[in-house]
C-alpha atoms as a PDB file:
ATOM      1  CA  MET A   1       7.227  16.643  22.809  1.00  0.00           C
ATOM      2  CA  ILE A   2       9.814  16.141  20.105  1.00  0.00           C
ATOM      3  CA  ILE A   3       8.739  19.150  18.072  1.00  0.00           C
ATOM      4  CA  THR A   4       8.692  21.518  21.048  1.00  0.00           C
ATOM      5  CA  ASP A   5      11.948  20.014  22.450  1.00  0.00           C
ATOM      6  CA  ARG A   6      10.453  19.627  25.921  1.00  0.00           C
ATOM      7  CA  LEU A   7      11.518  16.223  27.250  1.00  0.00           C
ATOM      8  CA  ALA A   8      12.008  15.206  23.625  1.00  0.00           C
ATOM      9  CA  TRP A   9      13.933  12.073  24.596  1.00  0.00           C
ATOM     10  CA  LEU A  10      10.854  10.906  26.506  1.00  0.00           C
ATOM     11  CA  GLY A  11       8.588  11.568  23.530  1.00  0.00           C
ATOM     12  CA  ALA A  12      10.911   9.665  21.201  1.00  0.00           C
ATOM     13  CA  GLY A  13      11.030   6.764  23.640  1.00  0.00           C
ATOM     14  CA  ALA A  14       7.254   6.689  23.973  1.00  0.00           C
ATOM     15  CA  LEU A  15       6.812   6.649  20.197  1.00  0.00           C
ATOM     16  CA  GLY A  16       9.364   3.844  19.898  1.00  0.00           C
ATOM     17  CA  ILE A  17       7.554   1.734  22.490  1.00  0.00           C
ATOM     18  CA  PHE A  18       4.223   2.420  20.791  1.00  0.00           C
ATOM     19  CA  LEU A  19       5.600   1.285  17.431  1.00  0.00           C
ATOM     20  CA  ALA A  20       7.079  -1.853  18.984  1.00  0.00           C
ATOM     21  CA  MET A  21       3.748  -2.728  20.585  1.00  0.00           C
ATOM     22  CA  THR A  22       1.819  -2.304  17.319  1.00  0.00           C
ATOM     23  CA  VAL A  23       3.794  -5.073  15.589  1.00  0.00           C
ATOM     24  CA  PRO A  24       2.246  -8.082  17.382  1.00  0.00           C
ATOM     25  CA  VAL A  25      -1.168  -6.423  17.695  1.00  0.00           C
ATOM     26  CA  ALA A  26      -1.740  -4.863  14.263  1.00  0.00           C
ATOM     27  CA  HIS A  27       0.800  -6.561  11.989  1.00  0.00           C
ATOM     28  CA  PRO A  28       1.158 -10.265  12.903  1.00  0.00           C
ATOM     29  CA  PHE A  29       2.665 -11.225   9.547  1.00  0.00           C
ATOM     30  CA  TRP A  30       3.699 -14.653  10.843  1.00  0.00           C
ATOM     31  CA  THR A  31       0.026 -15.726  10.970  1.00  0.00           C
ATOM     32  CA  MET A  32      -0.845 -14.630   7.424  1.00  0.00           C
ATOM     33  CA  ALA A  33      -0.676 -16.314   4.056  1.00  0.00           C
ATOM     34  CA  GLU A  34       1.200 -14.950   1.059  1.00  0.00           C
ATOM     35  CA  PRO A  35       1.103 -12.321  -0.484  1.00  0.00           C
ATOM     36  CA  GLN A  36      -0.325 -10.476   2.566  1.00  0.00           C
ATOM     37  CA  ARG A  37       2.506 -11.838   4.715  1.00  0.00           C
ATOM     38  CA  THR A  38       5.149 -10.102   2.616  1.00  0.00           C
ATOM     39  CA  LEU A  39       3.299  -6.791   2.655  1.00  0.00           C
ATOM     40  CA  GLU A  40       2.890  -6.880   6.444  1.00  0.00           C
ATOM     41  CA  PHE A  41       6.547  -7.874   6.835  1.00  0.00           C
ATOM     42  CA  TYR A  42       7.541  -4.726   4.953  1.00  0.00           C
ATOM     43  CA  VAL A  43       5.419  -2.665   7.329  1.00  0.00           C
ATOM     44  CA  VAL A  44       7.119  -4.329  10.312  1.00  0.00           C
ATOM     45  CA  MET A  45      10.540  -3.572   8.841  1.00  0.00           C
ATOM     46  CA  GLU A  46       9.477   0.046   8.421  1.00  0.00           C
ATOM     47  CA  HIS A  47       8.424   0.150  12.072  1.00  0.00           C
ATOM     48  CA  ILE A  48      11.784  -1.265  13.135  1.00  0.00           C
ATOM     49  CA  SER A  49      13.685   1.325  11.104  1.00  0.00           C
ATOM     50  CA  LEU A  50      11.577   4.105  12.648  1.00  0.00           C
ATOM     51  CA  ILE A  51      12.311   2.724  16.116  1.00  0.00           C
ATOM     52  CA  GLY A  52      16.021   2.872  15.315  1.00  0.00           C
ATOM     53  CA  GLY A  53      15.723   6.485  14.210  1.00  0.00           C
ATOM     54  CA  LEU A  54      13.788   7.353  17.359  1.00  0.00           C
ATOM     55  CA  MET A  55      16.482   5.685  19.477  1.00  0.00           C
ATOM     56  CA  ILE A  56      19.128   7.845  17.824  1.00  0.00           C
ATOM     57  CA  ALA A  57      16.967  10.931  18.332  1.00  0.00           C
ATOM     58  CA  ALA A  58      16.373  10.075  22.003  1.00  0.00           C
ATOM     59  CA  ALA A  59      20.092   9.517  22.645  1.00  0.00           C
ATOM     60  CA  THR A  60      21.063  12.720  20.862  1.00  0.00           C
ATOM     61  CA  LEU A  61      18.409  14.799  22.604  1.00  0.00           C
ATOM     62  CA  ALA A  62      19.241  13.341  26.024  1.00  0.00           C
ATOM     63  CA  ARG A  63      22.916  14.190  25.477  1.00  0.00           C
ATOM     64  CA  LYS A  64      21.947  17.696  24.396  1.00  0.00           C
ATOM     65  CA  GLY A  65      19.905  18.096  27.587  1.00  0.00           C
ATOM     66  CA  ARG A  66      22.794  16.977  29.803  1.00  0.00           C
ATOM     67  CA  GLU A  67      25.199  19.359  28.083  1.00  0.00           C
ATOM     68  CA  ALA A  68      22.814  22.253  28.694  1.00  0.00           C
ATOM     69  CA  ILE A  69      22.932  21.560  32.433  1.00  0.00           C
ATOM     70  CA  TYR A  70      26.733  21.629  32.618  1.00  0.00           C
END
């Protein structure tokens, strides 16, 4: 959806929600012992930064879509 720019804001939002849901399911760093905890924490931080980028993309693409209507 993002690549084809058809409802790209929805695709970015869906990817952001998917990434947020994978943190407690696939990367529960708070239940692990060191050094695995630190490695999983880095993965979680990467997910959070990707979510932030997807939020910016969704906001930008939604604004672009509204401007095309007017």
